[in-house]
Amino acid sequence: VLVAIGLLMGFLGPYGTVRLPAVPGYVYWMACMVGSG
């Protein structure tokens, strides 16, 4: 579930992260969502 949410957040790119490069953006959100979860 956490991985799925992380992928969704990486795709949506909230809080301005949509402007980040794709790979670092997904890595960032995966780290944040899985770790926080």
Full PDB file with SEQRES, HELIX, SHEET, SSBOND, CRYST1, ORIGX, SCALE, CONECT and MASTER records, all heavy atoms in Angstrom:
SEQRES   1 A   37  VAL LEU VAL ALA ILE GLY LEU LEU MET GLY PHE LEU GLY          
SEQRES   2 A   37  PRO TYR GLY THR VAL ARG LEU PRO ALA VAL PRO GLY TYR          
SEQRES   3 A   37  VAL TYR TRP MET ALA CYS MET VAL GLY SER GLY                  
HELIX    1 AA1 LEU A    2  LEU A   12  1                                  11    
HELIX    2 AA2 THR A   17  ARG A   19  5                                   3    
HELIX    3 AA3 ALA A   22  SER A   36  1                                  15    
CRYST1    1.000    1.000    1.000  90.00  90.00  90.00 P 1           1          
ORIGX1      1.000000  0.000000  0.000000        0.00000                         
ORIGX2      0.000000  1.000000  0.000000        0.00000                         
ORIGX3      0.000000  0.000000  1.000000        0.00000                         
SCALE1      1.000000  0.000000  0.000000        0.00000                         
SCALE2      0.000000  1.000000  0.000000        0.00000                         
SCALE3      0.000000  0.000000  1.000000        0.00000                         
ATOM      1  N   VAL A   1       0.834  -1.203   0.000  1.00  0.00           N  
ATOM      2  CA  VAL A   1       0.000   0.000   0.000  1.00  0.00           C  
ATOM      3  C   VAL A   1       0.868   1.253   0.000  1.00  0.00           C  
ATOM      4  O   VAL A   1       0.612   2.212  -0.742  1.00  0.00           O  
ATOM      5  CB  VAL A   1      -0.944  -0.006   1.217  1.00  0.00           C  
ATOM      6  CG1 VAL A   1      -1.654   1.337   1.355  1.00  0.00           C  
ATOM      7  CG2 VAL A   1      -1.969  -1.126   1.093  1.00  0.00           C  
ATOM      8  N   LEU A   2       1.933   1.254   0.809  1.00  0.00           N  
ATOM      9  CA  LEU A   2       2.815   2.420   0.875  1.00  0.00           C  
ATOM     10  C   LEU A   2       3.538   2.655  -0.446  1.00  0.00           C  
ATOM     11  O   LEU A   2       3.686   3.799  -0.886  1.00  0.00           O  
ATOM     12  CB  LEU A   2       3.829   2.234   2.010  1.00  0.00           C  
ATOM     13  CG  LEU A   2       3.246   2.217   3.429  1.00  0.00           C  
ATOM     14  CD1 LEU A   2       4.332   1.915   4.449  1.00  0.00           C  
ATOM     15  CD2 LEU A   2       2.557   3.536   3.752  1.00  0.00           C  
ATOM     16  N   VAL A   3       3.985   1.578  -1.074  1.00  0.00           N  
ATOM     17  CA  VAL A   3       4.648   1.709  -2.372  1.00  0.00           C  
ATOM     18  C   VAL A   3       3.673   2.276  -3.402  1.00  0.00           C  
ATOM     19  O   VAL A   3       4.030   3.159  -4.204  1.00  0.00           O  
ATOM     20  CB  VAL A   3       5.206   0.350  -2.839  1.00  0.00           C  
ATOM     21  CG1 VAL A   3       5.638   0.405  -4.305  1.00  0.00           C  
ATOM     22  CG2 VAL A   3       6.383  -0.072  -1.965  1.00  0.00           C  
ATOM     23  N   ALA A   4       2.427   1.796  -3.377  1.00  0.00           N  
ATOM     24  CA  ALA A   4       1.415   2.298  -4.316  1.00  0.00           C  
ATOM     25  C   ALA A   4       1.164   3.786  -4.097  1.00  0.00           C  
ATOM     26  O   ALA A   4       1.052   4.570  -5.059  1.00  0.00           O  
ATOM     27  CB  ALA A   4       0.124   1.505  -4.159  1.00  0.00           C  
ATOM     28  N   ILE A   5       1.094   4.208  -2.833  1.00  0.00           N  
ATOM     29  CA  ILE A   5       0.882   5.637  -2.540  1.00  0.00           C  
ATOM     30  C   ILE A   5       2.090   6.455  -2.981  1.00  0.00           C  
ATOM     31  O   ILE A   5       1.948   7.553  -3.535  1.00  0.00           O  
ATOM     32  CB  ILE A   5       0.599   5.840  -1.039  1.00  0.00           C  
ATOM     33  CG1 ILE A   5      -0.718   5.152  -0.651  1.00  0.00           C  
ATOM     34  CG2 ILE A   5       0.527   7.319  -0.700  1.00  0.00           C  
ATOM     35  CD1 ILE A   5      -1.014   5.187   0.836  1.00  0.00           C  
ATOM     36  N   GLY A   6       3.287   5.908  -2.748  1.00  0.00           N  
ATOM     37  CA  GLY A   6       4.497   6.601  -3.179  1.00  0.00           C  
ATOM     38  C   GLY A   6       4.541   6.805  -4.677  1.00  0.00           C  
ATOM     39  O   GLY A   6       4.902   7.886  -5.171  1.00  0.00           O  
ATOM     40  N   LEU A   7       4.164   5.779  -5.424  1.00  0.00           N  
ATOM     41  CA  LEU A   7       4.122   5.896  -6.886  1.00  0.00           C  
ATOM     42  C   LEU A   7       3.081   6.917  -7.324  1.00  0.00           C  
ATOM     43  O   LEU A   7       3.311   7.694  -8.267  1.00  0.00           O  
ATOM     44  CB  LEU A   7       3.821   4.529  -7.504  1.00  0.00           C  
ATOM     45  CG  LEU A   7       4.926   3.469  -7.371  1.00  0.00           C  
ATOM     46  CD1 LEU A   7       4.426   2.117  -7.865  1.00  0.00           C  
ATOM     47  CD2 LEU A   7       6.171   3.897  -8.153  1.00  0.00           C  
ATOM     48  N   LEU A   8       1.930   6.927  -6.643  1.00  0.00           N  
ATOM     49  CA  LEU A   8       0.889   7.892  -6.985  1.00  0.00           C  
ATOM     50  C   LEU A   8       1.367   9.317  -6.732  1.00  0.00           C  
ATOM     51  O   LEU A   8       1.143  10.217  -7.569  1.00  0.00           O  
ATOM     52  CB  LEU A   8      -0.364   7.595  -6.172  1.00  0.00           C  
ATOM     53  CG  LEU A   8      -1.543   8.562  -6.370  1.00  0.00           C  
ATOM     54  CD1 LEU A   8      -2.032   8.513  -7.813  1.00  0.00           C  
ATOM     55  CD2 LEU A   8      -2.676   8.230  -5.402  1.00  0.00           C  
ATOM     56  N   MET A   9       2.013   9.544  -5.591  1.00  0.00           N  
ATOM     57  CA  MET A   9       2.499  10.885  -5.276  1.00  0.00           C  
ATOM     58  C   MET A   9       3.591  11.307  -6.252  1.00  0.00           C  
ATOM     59  O   MET A   9       3.654  12.470  -6.664  1.00  0.00           O  
ATOM     60  CB  MET A   9       3.023  10.920  -3.838  1.00  0.00           C  
ATOM     61  CG  MET A   9       1.951  10.643  -2.788  1.00  0.00           C  
ATOM     62  SD  MET A   9       0.633  11.868  -2.761  1.00  0.00           S  
ATOM     63  CE  MET A   9       1.434  13.195  -1.879  1.00  0.00           C  
ATOM     64  N   GLY A  10       4.448  10.367  -6.642  1.00  0.00           N  
ATOM     65  CA  GLY A  10       5.469  10.684  -7.633  1.00  0.00           C  
ATOM     66  C   GLY A  10       4.855  11.072  -8.961  1.00  0.00           C  
ATOM     67  O   GLY A  10       5.365  11.939  -9.674  1.00  0.00           O  
ATOM     68  N   PHE A  11       3.760  10.440  -9.311  1.00  0.00           N  
ATOM     69  CA  PHE A  11       3.081  10.758 -10.567  1.00  0.00           C  
ATOM     70  C   PHE A  11       2.381  12.111 -10.500  1.00  0.00           C  
ATOM     71  O   PHE A  11       2.430  12.902 -11.449  1.00  0.00           O  
ATOM     72  CB  PHE A  11       2.066   9.656 -10.886  1.00  0.00           C  
ATOM     73  CG  PHE A  11       1.213   9.939 -12.093  1.00  0.00           C  
ATOM     74  CD1 PHE A  11       1.723   9.797 -13.374  1.00  0.00           C  
ATOM     75  CD2 PHE A  11      -0.105  10.357 -11.931  1.00  0.00           C  
ATOM     76  CE1 PHE A  11       0.931  10.069 -14.488  1.00  0.00           C  
ATOM     77  CE2 PHE A  11      -0.894  10.625 -13.045  1.00  0.00           C  
ATOM     78  CZ  PHE A  11      -0.375  10.473 -14.324  1.00  0.00           C  
ATOM     79  N   LEU A  12       1.715  12.393  -9.361  1.00  0.00           N  
ATOM     80  CA  LEU A  12       0.975  13.646  -9.224  1.00  0.00           C  
ATOM     81  C   LEU A  12       1.906  14.834  -9.016  1.00  0.00           C  
ATOM     82  O   LEU A  12       1.604  15.949  -9.449  1.00  0.00           O  
ATOM     83  CB  LEU A  12      -0.020  13.545  -8.059  1.00  0.00           C  
ATOM     84  CG  LEU A  12      -1.132  12.503  -8.216  1.00  0.00           C  
ATOM     85  CD1 LEU A  12      -1.973  12.425  -6.945  1.00  0.00           C  
ATOM     86  CD2 LEU A  12      -2.014  12.830  -9.413  1.00  0.00           C  
ATOM     87  N   GLY A  13       3.017  14.602  -8.290  1.00  0.00           N  
ATOM     88  CA  GLY A  13       3.976  15.682  -8.060  1.00  0.00           C  
ATOM     89  C   GLY A  13       3.434  16.868  -7.294  1.00  0.00           C  
ATOM     90  O   GLY A  13       3.565  18.012  -7.764  1.00  0.00           O  
ATOM     91  N   PRO A  14       2.824  16.670  -6.101  1.00  0.00           N  
ATOM     92  CA  PRO A  14       2.291  17.812  -5.340  1.00  0.00           C  
ATOM     93  C   PRO A  14       3.412  18.664  -4.736  1.00  0.00           C  
ATOM     94  O   PRO A  14       4.567  18.266  -4.711  1.00  0.00           O  
ATOM     95  CB  PRO A  14       1.466  17.133  -4.249  1.00  0.00           C  
ATOM     96  CG  PRO A  14       2.106  15.798  -4.075  1.00  0.00           C  
ATOM     97  CD  PRO A  14       2.605  15.399  -5.426  1.00  0.00           C  
ATOM     98  N   TYR A  15       3.012  19.830  -4.233  1.00  0.00           N  
ATOM     99  CA  TYR A  15       3.932  20.767  -3.582  1.00  0.00           C  
ATOM    100  C   TYR A  15       5.096  21.157  -4.497  1.00  0.00           C  
ATOM    101  O   TYR A  15       6.241  21.304  -4.052  1.00  0.00           O  
ATOM    102  CB  TYR A  15       4.472  20.180  -2.271  1.00  0.00           C  
ATOM    103  CG  TYR A  15       3.389  19.836  -1.280  1.00  0.00           C  
ATOM    104  CD1 TYR A  15       3.233  18.527  -0.828  1.00  0.00           C  
ATOM    105  CD2 TYR A  15       2.509  20.810  -0.803  1.00  0.00           C  
ATOM    106  CE1 TYR A  15       2.229  18.198   0.070  1.00  0.00           C  
ATOM    107  CE2 TYR A  15       1.506  20.487   0.098  1.00  0.00           C  
ATOM    108  CZ  TYR A  15       1.371  19.181   0.525  1.00  0.00           C  
ATOM    109  OH  TYR A  15       0.378  18.873   1.410  1.00  0.00           O  
ATOM    110  N   GLY A  16       4.833  21.279  -5.776  1.00  0.00           N  
ATOM    111  CA  GLY A  16       5.848  21.747  -6.707  1.00  0.00           C  
ATOM    112  C   GLY A  16       6.826  20.698  -7.181  1.00  0.00           C  
ATOM    113  O   GLY A  16       7.693  20.984  -8.012  1.00  0.00           O  
ATOM    114  N   THR A  17       6.698  19.454  -6.685  1.00  0.00           N  
ATOM    115  CA  THR A  17       7.641  18.409  -7.098  1.00  0.00           C  
ATOM    116  C   THR A  17       7.381  17.924  -8.510  1.00  0.00           C  
ATOM    117  O   THR A  17       8.168  17.145  -9.047  1.00  0.00           O  
ATOM    118  CB  THR A  17       7.574  17.204  -6.132  1.00  0.00           C  
ATOM    119  OG1 THR A  17       6.226  16.700  -6.101  1.00  0.00           O  
ATOM    120  CG2 THR A  17       7.976  17.613  -4.723  1.00  0.00           C  
ATOM    121  N   VAL A  18       6.286  18.380  -9.131  1.00  0.00           N  
ATOM    122  CA  VAL A  18       6.012  17.996 -10.504  1.00  0.00           C  
ATOM    123  C   VAL A  18       7.093  18.531 -11.445  1.00  0.00           C  
ATOM    124  O   VAL A  18       7.308  18.005 -12.548  1.00  0.00           O  
ATOM    125  CB  VAL A  18       4.613  18.490 -10.934  1.00  0.00           C  
ATOM    126  CG1 VAL A  18       4.590  20.005 -11.053  1.00  0.00           C  
ATOM    127  CG2 VAL A  18       4.200  17.856 -12.252  1.00  0.00           C  
ATOM    128  N   ARG A  19       7.797  19.580 -10.993  1.00  0.00           N  
ATOM    129  CA  ARG A  19       8.845  20.164 -11.830  1.00  0.00           C  
ATOM    130  C   ARG A  19      10.168  19.420 -11.720  1.00  0.00           C  
ATOM    131  O   ARG A  19      11.114  19.721 -12.448  1.00  0.00           O  
ATOM    132  CB  ARG A  19       9.039  21.631 -11.445  1.00  0.00           C  
ATOM    133  CG  ARG A  19       7.832  22.514 -11.737  1.00  0.00           C  
ATOM    134  CD  ARG A  19       8.158  23.979 -11.511  1.00  0.00           C  
ATOM    135  NE  ARG A  19       8.455  24.258 -10.107  1.00  0.00           N  
ATOM    136  CZ  ARG A  19       7.521  24.588  -9.218  1.00  0.00           C  
ATOM    137  NH1 ARG A  19       6.242  24.668  -9.576  1.00  0.00           N  
ATOM    138  NH2 ARG A  19       7.860  24.846  -7.980  1.00  0.00           N  
ATOM    139  N   LEU A  20      10.238  18.463 -10.792  1.00  0.00           N  
ATOM    140  CA  LEU A  20      11.477  17.710 -10.620  1.00  0.00           C  
ATOM    141  C   LEU A  20      11.650  16.700 -11.743  1.00  0.00           C  
ATOM    142  O   LEU A  20      10.672  16.248 -12.339  1.00  0.00           O  
ATOM    143  CB  LEU A  20      11.456  16.962  -9.275  1.00  0.00           C  
ATOM    144  CG  LEU A  20      11.404  17.828  -8.002  1.00  0.00           C  
ATOM    145  CD1 LEU A  20      11.224  16.923  -6.789  1.00  0.00           C  
ATOM    146  CD2 LEU A  20      12.671  18.665  -7.871  1.00  0.00           C  
ATOM    147  N   PRO A  21      12.897  16.308 -12.049  1.00  0.00           N  
ATOM    148  CA  PRO A  21      13.108  15.222 -13.004  1.00  0.00           C  
ATOM    149  C   PRO A  21      12.382  13.961 -12.529  1.00  0.00           C  
ATOM    150  O   PRO A  21      12.238  13.727 -11.319  1.00  0.00           O  
ATOM    151  CB  PRO A  21      14.636  15.029 -13.000  1.00  0.00           C  
ATOM    152  CG  PRO A  21      15.171  16.350 -12.543  1.00  0.00           C  
ATOM    153  CD  PRO A  21      14.161  16.889 -11.576  1.00  0.00           C  
ATOM    154  N   ALA A  22      11.936  13.135 -13.464  1.00  0.00           N  
ATOM    155  CA  ALA A  22      11.065  12.003 -13.127  1.00  0.00           C  
ATOM    156  C   ALA A  22      11.693  11.050 -12.126  1.00  0.00           C  
ATOM    157  O   ALA A  22      11.093  10.733 -11.090  1.00  0.00           O  
ATOM    158  CB  ALA A  22      10.681  11.261 -14.403  1.00  0.00           C  
ATOM    159  N   VAL A  23      12.900  10.583 -12.396  1.00  0.00           N  
ATOM    160  CA  VAL A  23      13.502   9.561 -11.526  1.00  0.00           C  
ATOM    161  C   VAL A  23      13.753  10.091 -10.124  1.00  0.00           C  
ATOM    162  O   VAL A  23      13.329   9.470  -9.128  1.00  0.00           O  
ATOM    163  CB  VAL A  23      14.796   9.003 -12.156  1.00  0.00           C  
ATOM    164  CG1 VAL A  23      15.500   8.064 -11.173  1.00  0.00           C  
ATOM    165  CG2 VAL A  23      14.476   8.274 -13.451  1.00  0.00           C  
ATOM    166  N   PRO A  24      14.441  11.235  -9.967  1.00  0.00           N  
ATOM    167  CA  PRO A  24      14.622  11.750  -8.598  1.00  0.00           C  
ATOM    168  C   PRO A  24      13.295  12.043  -7.895  1.00  0.00           C  
ATOM    169  O   PRO A  24      13.170  11.848  -6.686  1.00  0.00           O  
ATOM    170  CB  PRO A  24      15.427  13.039  -8.810  1.00  0.00           C  
ATOM    171  CG  PRO A  24      16.091  12.867 -10.121  1.00  0.00           C  
ATOM    172  CD  PRO A  24      15.129  12.073 -10.956  1.00  0.00           C  
ATOM    173  N   GLY A  25      12.293  12.493  -8.665  1.00  0.00           N  
ATOM    174  CA  GLY A  25      10.996  12.779  -8.066  1.00  0.00           C  
ATOM    175  C   GLY A  25      10.338  11.533  -7.497  1.00  0.00           C  
ATOM    176  O   GLY A  25       9.817  11.535  -6.377  1.00  0.00           O  
ATOM    177  N   TYR A  26      10.376  10.452  -8.263  1.00  0.00           N  
ATOM    178  CA  TYR A  26       9.801   9.196  -7.772  1.00  0.00           C  
ATOM    179  C   TYR A  26      10.588   8.655  -6.584  1.00  0.00           C  
ATOM    180  O   TYR A  26      10.015   8.160  -5.603  1.00  0.00           O  
ATOM    181  CB  TYR A  26       9.756   8.156  -8.895  1.00  0.00           C  
ATOM    182  CG  TYR A  26       8.515   8.245  -9.756  1.00  0.00           C  
ATOM    183  CD1 TYR A  26       8.551   8.861 -11.008  1.00  0.00           C  
ATOM    184  CD2 TYR A  26       7.308   7.726  -9.319  1.00  0.00           C  
ATOM    185  CE1 TYR A  26       7.407   8.958 -11.798  1.00  0.00           C  
ATOM    186  CE2 TYR A  26       6.164   7.806 -10.101  1.00  0.00           C  
ATOM    187  CZ  TYR A  26       6.217   8.431 -11.335  1.00  0.00           C  
ATOM    188  OH  TYR A  26       5.090   8.519 -12.096  1.00  0.00           O  
ATOM    189  N   VAL A  27      11.913   8.722  -6.655  1.00  0.00           N  
ATOM    190  CA  VAL A  27      12.754   8.245  -5.542  1.00  0.00           C  
ATOM    191  C   VAL A  27      12.446   9.034  -4.282  1.00  0.00           C  
ATOM    192  O   VAL A  27      12.333   8.470  -3.180  1.00  0.00           O  
ATOM    193  CB  VAL A  27      14.250   8.346  -5.908  1.00  0.00           C  
ATOM    194  CG1 VAL A  27      15.117   8.036  -4.684  1.00  0.00           C  
ATOM    195  CG2 VAL A  27      14.585   7.387  -7.043  1.00  0.00           C  
ATOM    196  N   TYR A  28      12.306  10.332  -4.432  1.00  0.00           N  
ATOM    197  CA  TYR A  28      12.009  11.204  -3.295  1.00  0.00           C  
ATOM    198  C   TYR A  28      10.683  10.817  -2.638  1.00  0.00           C  
ATOM    199  O   TYR A  28      10.607  10.637  -1.417  1.00  0.00           O  
ATOM    200  CB  TYR A  28      11.976  12.659  -3.771  1.00  0.00           C  
ATOM    201  CG  TYR A  28      11.442  13.638  -2.759  1.00  0.00           C  
ATOM    202  CD1 TYR A  28      12.220  14.039  -1.680  1.00  0.00           C  
ATOM    203  CD2 TYR A  28      10.155  14.171  -2.902  1.00  0.00           C  
ATOM    204  CE1 TYR A  28      11.725  14.955  -0.751  1.00  0.00           C  
ATOM    205  CE2 TYR A  28       9.658  15.079  -1.977  1.00  0.00           C  
ATOM    206  CZ  TYR A  28      10.441  15.465  -0.902  1.00  0.00           C  
ATOM    207  OH  TYR A  28       9.951  16.369   0.019  1.00  0.00           O  
ATOM    208  N   TRP A  29       9.630  10.684  -3.457  1.00  0.00           N  
ATOM    209  CA  TRP A  29       8.317  10.364  -2.891  1.00  0.00           C  
ATOM    210  C   TRP A  29       8.262   8.945  -2.343  1.00  0.00           C  
ATOM    211  O   TRP A  29       7.585   8.696  -1.331  1.00  0.00           O  
ATOM    212  CB  TRP A  29       7.227  10.585  -3.930  1.00  0.00           C  
ATOM    213  CG  TRP A  29       6.814  12.022  -4.012  1.00  0.00           C  
ATOM    214  CD1 TRP A  29       7.038  12.892  -5.042  1.00  0.00           C  
ATOM    215  CD2 TRP A  29       6.133  12.758  -3.001  1.00  0.00           C  
ATOM    216  NE1 TRP A  29       6.535  14.135  -4.742  1.00  0.00           N  
ATOM    217  CE2 TRP A  29       5.963  14.078  -3.487  1.00  0.00           C  
ATOM    218  CE3 TRP A  29       5.646  12.450  -1.742  1.00  0.00           C  
ATOM    219  CZ2 TRP A  29       5.338  15.068  -2.752  1.00  0.00           C  
ATOM    220  CZ3 TRP A  29       5.009  13.437  -1.000  1.00  0.00           C  
ATOM    221  CH2 TRP A  29       4.859  14.729  -1.495  1.00  0.00           C  
ATOM    222  N   MET A  30       8.957   8.014  -2.955  1.00  0.00           N  
ATOM    223  CA  MET A  30       8.986   6.653  -2.412  1.00  0.00           C  
ATOM    224  C   MET A  30       9.652   6.641  -1.044  1.00  0.00           C  
ATOM    225  O   MET A  30       9.184   5.992  -0.098  1.00  0.00           O  
ATOM    226  CB  MET A  30       9.730   5.721  -3.370  1.00  0.00           C  
ATOM    227  CG  MET A  30       8.971   5.430  -4.656  1.00  0.00           C  
ATOM    228  SD  MET A  30       7.427   4.520  -4.378  1.00  0.00           S  
ATOM    229  CE  MET A  30       8.075   2.950  -3.854  1.00  0.00           C  
ATOM    230  N   ALA A  31      10.774   7.376  -0.916  1.00  0.00           N  
ATOM    231  CA  ALA A  31      11.465   7.446   0.373  1.00  0.00           C  
ATOM    232  C   ALA A  31      10.573   8.093   1.427  1.00  0.00           C  
ATOM    233  O   ALA A  31      10.475   7.606   2.570  1.00  0.00           O  
ATOM    234  CB  ALA A  31      12.769   8.229   0.220  1.00  0.00           C  
ATOM    235  N   CYS A  32       9.906   9.178   1.039  1.00  0.00           N  
ATOM    236  CA  CYS A  32       9.051   9.888   1.996  1.00  0.00           C  
ATOM    237  C   CYS A  32       7.850   9.049   2.422  1.00  0.00           C  
ATOM    238  O   CYS A  32       7.543   8.943   3.619  1.00  0.00           O  
ATOM    239  CB  CYS A  32       8.571  11.206   1.386  1.00  0.00           C  
ATOM    240  SG  CYS A  32       9.869  12.429   1.141  1.00  0.00           S  
ATOM    241  N   MET A  33       7.154   8.443   1.459  1.00  0.00           N  
ATOM    242  CA  MET A  33       5.912   7.749   1.774  1.00  0.00           C  
ATOM    243  C   MET A  33       6.167   6.414   2.467  1.00  0.00           C  
ATOM    244  O   MET A  33       5.511   6.076   3.451  1.00  0.00           O  
ATOM    245  CB  MET A  33       5.083   7.535   0.501  1.00  0.00           C  
ATOM    246  CG  MET A  33       4.689   8.830  -0.207  1.00  0.00           C  
ATOM    247  SD  MET A  33       4.016  10.092   0.902  1.00  0.00           S  
ATOM    248  CE  MET A  33       2.629   9.232   1.613  1.00  0.00           C  
ATOM    249  N   VAL A  34       7.114   5.628   1.943  1.00  0.00           N  
ATOM    250  CA  VAL A  34       7.392   4.332   2.578  1.00  0.00           C  
ATOM    251  C   VAL A  34       7.981   4.548   3.963  1.00  0.00           C  
ATOM    252  O   VAL A  34       7.572   3.916   4.948  1.00  0.00           O  
ATOM    253  CB  VAL A  34       8.327   3.483   1.701  1.00  0.00           C  
ATOM    254  CG1 VAL A  34       8.732   2.214   2.438  1.00  0.00           C  
ATOM    255  CG2 VAL A  34       7.650   3.142   0.382  1.00  0.00           C  
ATOM    256  N   GLY A  35       8.962   5.471   4.076  1.00  0.00           N  
ATOM    257  CA  GLY A  35       9.571   5.736   5.376  1.00  0.00           C  
ATOM    258  C   GLY A  35       8.574   6.278   6.382  1.00  0.00           C  
ATOM    259  O   GLY A  35       8.500   5.817   7.531  1.00  0.00           O  
ATOM    260  N   SER A  36       7.777   7.265   5.964  1.00  0.00           N  
ATOM    261  CA  SER A  36       6.784   7.850   6.874  1.00  0.00           C  
ATOM    262  C   SER A  36       5.722   6.831   7.260  1.00  0.00           C  
ATOM    263  O   SER A  36       5.280   6.764   8.416  1.00  0.00           O  
ATOM    264  CB  SER A  36       6.124   9.058   6.207  1.00  0.00           C  
ATOM    265  OG  SER A  36       7.072  10.057   5.923  1.00  0.00           O  
ATOM    266  N   GLY A  37       5.304   6.021   6.279  1.00  0.00           N  
ATOM    267  CA  GLY A  37       4.303   4.994   6.572  1.00  0.00           C  
ATOM    268  C   GLY A  37       4.797   3.995   7.594  1.00  0.00           C  
ATOM    269  O   GLY A  37       4.055   3.593   8.507  1.00  0.00           O  
TER     270      GLY A  37                                                      
MASTER        0    0    0    3    0    0    0    6  269    1    0    3          
END                                                                             
